[in-house]
């Protein structure tokens, strides 16, 4: 299992907005483009890129979802945390 992974995400305070982002990505829009438009996280400026991180850095629900993804895979549903709803893409 990887010690560190790299992910991008889209963070939305409302589930409906997160579902809209996920729908746009599923329809073929670029993840980074959707992140720049819809994410409420400062990482939106980098297309949602969070860089590399290991276990114990992110909140548990985010970490569990991120580490369960294969490279290139996106969460099937928004992941709820205390920050809001995340669409997560594992990039490396």
N, C-alpha and C. Protein backbone atom coordinates (compact mmCIF):
# COMPACT_ATOMS: atom_id res chain seq x y z
N UNK A 1 0.85 -1.19 0.00
CA UNK A 1 0.00 0.00 0.00
C UNK A 1 0.89 1.25 0.00
N UNK A 2 0.44 2.23 -0.70
CA UNK A 2 1.22 3.46 -0.85
C UNK A 2 1.34 4.22 0.47
N UNK A 3 2.55 4.75 0.73
CA UNK A 3 2.75 5.59 1.91
C UNK A 3 2.18 6.98 1.68
N UNK A 4 2.36 7.49 0.47
CA UNK A 4 1.85 8.80 0.10
C UNK A 4 1.14 8.71 -1.23
N UNK A 5 0.06 9.46 -1.33
CA UNK A 5 -0.69 9.52 -2.57
C UNK A 5 -0.89 10.99 -2.93
N UNK A 6 -1.30 11.22 -4.15
CA UNK A 6 -1.59 12.58 -4.60
C UNK A 6 -3.04 12.62 -5.07
N UNK A 7 -3.75 13.62 -4.62
CA UNK A 7 -5.15 13.75 -4.98
C UNK A 7 -5.50 15.19 -5.32
N UNK A 8 -6.58 15.31 -6.07
CA UNK A 8 -7.24 16.59 -6.28
C UNK A 8 -8.64 16.43 -5.74
N UNK A 9 -9.27 17.54 -5.40
CA UNK A 9 -10.64 17.44 -4.92
C UNK A 9 -11.43 18.69 -5.28
N UNK A 10 -12.73 18.53 -5.19
CA UNK A 10 -13.67 19.63 -5.32
C UNK A 10 -14.44 19.64 -4.01
N UNK A 11 -14.45 20.76 -3.32
CA UNK A 11 -15.14 20.89 -2.04
C UNK A 11 -16.32 21.82 -2.21
N UNK A 12 -17.49 21.34 -1.79
CA UNK A 12 -18.72 22.13 -1.86
C UNK A 12 -19.43 22.07 -0.51
N UNK A 13 -20.01 23.19 -0.11
CA UNK A 13 -20.73 23.21 1.17
C UNK A 13 -22.10 22.55 1.05
N UNK A 14 -22.63 22.48 -0.18
CA UNK A 14 -23.95 21.88 -0.39
C UNK A 14 -23.83 20.61 -1.23
N UNK A 15 -24.56 19.59 -0.81
CA UNK A 15 -24.56 18.32 -1.54
C UNK A 15 -25.00 18.52 -2.98
N UNK A 16 -26.00 19.36 -3.22
CA UNK A 16 -26.50 19.56 -4.57
C UNK A 16 -25.42 20.10 -5.50
N UNK A 17 -24.58 20.98 -5.00
CA UNK A 17 -23.48 21.54 -5.81
C UNK A 17 -22.42 20.47 -6.09
N UNK A 18 -22.14 19.64 -5.09
CA UNK A 18 -21.17 18.55 -5.28
C UNK A 18 -21.68 17.56 -6.32
N UNK A 19 -22.97 17.26 -6.27
CA UNK A 19 -23.55 16.33 -7.24
C UNK A 19 -23.52 16.92 -8.65
N UNK A 20 -23.72 18.23 -8.76
CA UNK A 20 -23.62 18.90 -10.06
C UNK A 20 -22.20 18.79 -10.60
N UNK A 21 -21.20 19.01 -9.75
CA UNK A 21 -19.79 18.89 -10.16
C UNK A 21 -19.52 17.47 -10.64
N UNK A 22 -19.98 16.49 -9.89
CA UNK A 22 -19.76 15.09 -10.25
C UNK A 22 -20.43 14.76 -11.59
N UNK A 23 -21.61 15.26 -11.80
CA UNK A 23 -22.33 15.03 -13.05
C UNK A 23 -21.56 15.62 -14.24
N UNK A 24 -21.05 16.83 -14.07
CA UNK A 24 -20.28 17.47 -15.15
C UNK A 24 -19.03 16.66 -15.50
N UNK A 25 -18.36 16.14 -14.48
CA UNK A 25 -17.16 15.33 -14.71
C UNK A 25 -17.52 14.03 -15.42
N UNK A 26 -18.60 13.39 -14.98
CA UNK A 26 -19.05 12.14 -15.60
C UNK A 26 -19.43 12.35 -17.06
N UNK A 27 -19.88 13.56 -17.39
CA UNK A 27 -20.26 13.88 -18.76
C UNK A 27 -19.04 14.26 -19.61
N UNK A 28 -17.85 14.23 -19.01
CA UNK A 28 -16.64 14.43 -19.79
C UNK A 28 -15.89 15.72 -19.57
N UNK A 29 -16.40 16.60 -18.70
CA UNK A 29 -15.67 17.85 -18.45
C UNK A 29 -14.41 17.54 -17.65
N UNK A 30 -13.40 18.37 -17.85
CA UNK A 30 -12.12 18.23 -17.17
C UNK A 30 -12.27 18.49 -15.67
N UNK A 31 -11.73 17.58 -14.86
CA UNK A 31 -11.83 17.69 -13.40
C UNK A 31 -11.30 19.04 -12.91
N UNK A 32 -10.11 19.42 -13.39
CA UNK A 32 -9.48 20.68 -12.95
C UNK A 32 -10.34 21.89 -13.31
N UNK A 33 -10.95 21.86 -14.48
CA UNK A 33 -11.80 22.97 -14.92
C UNK A 33 -13.01 23.10 -14.00
N UNK A 34 -13.64 21.98 -13.69
CA UNK A 34 -14.81 21.99 -12.80
C UNK A 34 -14.39 22.44 -11.41
N UNK A 35 -13.23 21.98 -10.95
CA UNK A 35 -12.73 22.40 -9.63
C UNK A 35 -12.54 23.91 -9.57
N UNK A 36 -11.95 24.48 -10.61
CA UNK A 36 -11.72 25.93 -10.64
C UNK A 36 -13.03 26.70 -10.59
N UNK A 37 -14.06 26.15 -11.20
CA UNK A 37 -15.36 26.84 -11.26
C UNK A 37 -16.22 26.64 -10.02
N UNK A 38 -16.21 25.42 -9.45
CA UNK A 38 -17.18 25.11 -8.41
C UNK A 38 -16.63 24.88 -7.01
N UNK A 39 -15.36 24.54 -6.89
CA UNK A 39 -14.82 24.22 -5.56
C UNK A 39 -14.77 25.46 -4.68
N UNK A 40 -15.00 25.24 -3.39
CA UNK A 40 -14.94 26.32 -2.40
C UNK A 40 -13.66 26.26 -1.58
N UNK A 41 -12.72 25.44 -2.00
CA UNK A 41 -11.43 25.30 -1.32
C UNK A 41 -10.38 26.16 -2.04
N UNK A 42 -9.44 26.73 -1.30
CA UNK A 42 -8.37 27.49 -1.96
C UNK A 42 -7.60 26.68 -3.01
N UNK A 43 -7.62 25.35 -2.90
CA UNK A 43 -6.93 24.51 -3.89
C UNK A 43 -7.56 24.63 -5.28
N UNK A 44 -8.71 25.26 -5.39
CA UNK A 44 -9.36 25.42 -6.70
C UNK A 44 -8.46 26.16 -7.68
N UNK A 45 -7.61 27.04 -7.16
CA UNK A 45 -6.69 27.79 -8.03
C UNK A 45 -5.72 26.86 -8.74
N UNK A 46 -5.48 25.68 -8.15
CA UNK A 46 -4.59 24.67 -8.74
C UNK A 46 -5.39 23.51 -9.34
N UNK A 47 -6.64 23.78 -9.68
CA UNK A 47 -7.48 22.73 -10.24
C UNK A 47 -7.86 21.68 -9.22
N UNK A 48 -7.80 22.04 -7.94
CA UNK A 48 -8.15 21.12 -6.87
C UNK A 48 -6.98 20.30 -6.34
N UNK A 49 -5.79 20.49 -6.90
CA UNK A 49 -4.62 19.68 -6.51
C UNK A 49 -4.25 19.91 -5.05
N UNK A 50 -4.19 18.82 -4.30
CA UNK A 50 -3.79 18.87 -2.88
C UNK A 50 -2.35 18.42 -2.68
N UNK A 51 -1.69 17.99 -3.74
CA UNK A 51 -0.32 17.50 -3.62
C UNK A 51 -0.29 16.11 -2.99
N UNK A 52 0.90 15.71 -2.56
CA UNK A 52 1.10 14.40 -1.94
C UNK A 52 0.83 14.49 -0.44
N UNK A 53 0.22 13.45 0.10
CA UNK A 53 0.00 13.37 1.54
C UNK A 53 -0.04 11.92 1.97
N UNK A 54 0.28 11.70 3.23
CA UNK A 54 0.25 10.36 3.79
C UNK A 54 -0.94 10.18 4.71
N UNK A 55 -1.01 9.03 5.32
CA UNK A 55 -2.10 8.75 6.27
C UNK A 55 -1.95 9.63 7.50
N UNK A 56 -3.09 9.99 8.07
CA UNK A 56 -3.09 10.79 9.29
C UNK A 56 -3.06 12.29 9.04
N UNK A 57 -3.04 12.70 7.78
CA UNK A 57 -2.98 14.13 7.45
C UNK A 57 -4.38 14.70 7.22
N UNK A 58 -5.19 13.96 6.48
CA UNK A 58 -6.55 14.41 6.14
C UNK A 58 -7.54 13.84 7.16
N UNK A 59 -8.73 14.42 7.21
CA UNK A 59 -9.77 13.89 8.09
C UNK A 59 -10.13 12.48 7.64
N UNK A 60 -10.56 11.64 8.57
CA UNK A 60 -10.75 10.20 8.32
C UNK A 60 -11.61 9.86 7.11
N UNK A 61 -12.82 10.42 6.96
CA UNK A 61 -13.62 10.03 5.80
C UNK A 61 -12.93 10.34 4.48
N UNK A 62 -12.25 11.49 4.42
CA UNK A 62 -11.52 11.87 3.21
C UNK A 62 -10.38 10.89 2.98
N UNK A 63 -9.60 10.62 4.01
CA UNK A 63 -8.46 9.71 3.90
C UNK A 63 -8.89 8.33 3.44
N UNK A 64 -9.93 7.79 4.05
CA UNK A 64 -10.39 6.45 3.69
C UNK A 64 -10.80 6.39 2.23
N UNK A 65 -11.54 7.39 1.78
CA UNK A 65 -11.98 7.41 0.38
C UNK A 65 -10.78 7.57 -0.56
N UNK A 66 -9.89 8.48 -0.25
CA UNK A 66 -8.74 8.76 -1.12
C UNK A 66 -7.84 7.55 -1.26
N UNK A 67 -7.53 6.89 -0.15
CA UNK A 67 -6.62 5.74 -0.20
C UNK A 67 -7.27 4.50 -0.82
N UNK A 68 -8.60 4.50 -0.94
CA UNK A 68 -9.28 3.35 -1.56
C UNK A 68 -9.34 3.47 -3.08
N UNK A 69 -9.03 4.65 -3.61
CA UNK A 69 -9.08 4.88 -5.05
C UNK A 69 -7.83 4.37 -5.75
N UNK A 70 -7.99 3.98 -7.01
CA UNK A 70 -6.86 3.68 -7.87
C UNK A 70 -6.45 4.99 -8.56
N UNK A 71 -5.23 5.06 -9.05
CA UNK A 71 -4.77 6.26 -9.76
C UNK A 71 -5.70 6.52 -10.95
N UNK A 72 -6.18 7.75 -11.06
CA UNK A 72 -7.09 8.14 -12.13
C UNK A 72 -8.56 7.99 -11.78
N UNK A 73 -8.84 7.33 -10.69
CA UNK A 73 -10.23 7.07 -10.29
C UNK A 73 -10.80 8.24 -9.48
N UNK A 74 -12.10 8.45 -9.60
CA UNK A 74 -12.81 9.51 -8.90
C UNK A 74 -13.87 8.86 -8.01
N UNK A 75 -14.11 9.44 -6.84
CA UNK A 75 -15.14 8.89 -5.96
C UNK A 75 -16.47 8.84 -6.69
N UNK A 76 -17.22 7.77 -6.45
CA UNK A 76 -18.51 7.58 -7.12
C UNK A 76 -19.58 8.51 -6.56
N UNK A 77 -19.45 8.88 -5.32
CA UNK A 77 -20.39 9.77 -4.64
C UNK A 77 -19.58 10.80 -3.84
N UNK A 78 -20.18 11.95 -3.53
CA UNK A 78 -19.48 12.93 -2.68
C UNK A 78 -19.18 12.32 -1.30
N UNK A 79 -18.03 12.70 -0.75
CA UNK A 79 -17.60 12.24 0.57
C UNK A 79 -17.86 13.37 1.56
N UNK A 80 -18.67 13.09 2.58
CA UNK A 80 -19.04 14.12 3.56
C UNK A 80 -18.01 14.17 4.69
N UNK A 81 -17.55 15.37 4.99
CA UNK A 81 -16.69 15.62 6.14
C UNK A 81 -17.22 16.87 6.84
N UNK A 82 -16.56 17.27 7.90
CA UNK A 82 -16.92 18.50 8.59
C UNK A 82 -16.71 19.74 7.75
N UNK A 83 -15.97 19.62 6.66
CA UNK A 83 -15.71 20.76 5.77
C UNK A 83 -16.78 20.91 4.69
N UNK A 84 -17.49 19.83 4.41
CA UNK A 84 -18.49 19.83 3.36
C UNK A 84 -18.45 18.54 2.59
N UNK A 85 -18.74 18.62 1.29
CA UNK A 85 -18.81 17.45 0.42
C UNK A 85 -17.67 17.50 -0.59
N UNK A 86 -16.92 16.40 -0.67
CA UNK A 86 -15.74 16.33 -1.53
C UNK A 86 -15.96 15.37 -2.69
N UNK A 87 -15.53 15.78 -3.86
CA UNK A 87 -15.34 14.87 -5.00
C UNK A 87 -13.82 14.70 -5.07
N UNK A 88 -13.35 13.47 -4.95
CA UNK A 88 -11.91 13.22 -4.85
C UNK A 88 -11.43 12.45 -6.08
N UNK A 89 -10.31 12.89 -6.61
CA UNK A 89 -9.65 12.18 -7.73
C UNK A 89 -8.22 11.87 -7.30
N UNK A 90 -7.87 10.59 -7.36
CA UNK A 90 -6.48 10.19 -7.06
C UNK A 90 -5.67 10.37 -8.33
N UNK A 91 -4.61 11.16 -8.23
CA UNK A 91 -3.82 11.48 -9.42
C UNK A 91 -2.47 10.79 -9.45
N UNK A 92 -1.98 10.29 -8.34
CA UNK A 92 -0.70 9.58 -8.31
C UNK A 92 -0.59 8.76 -7.03
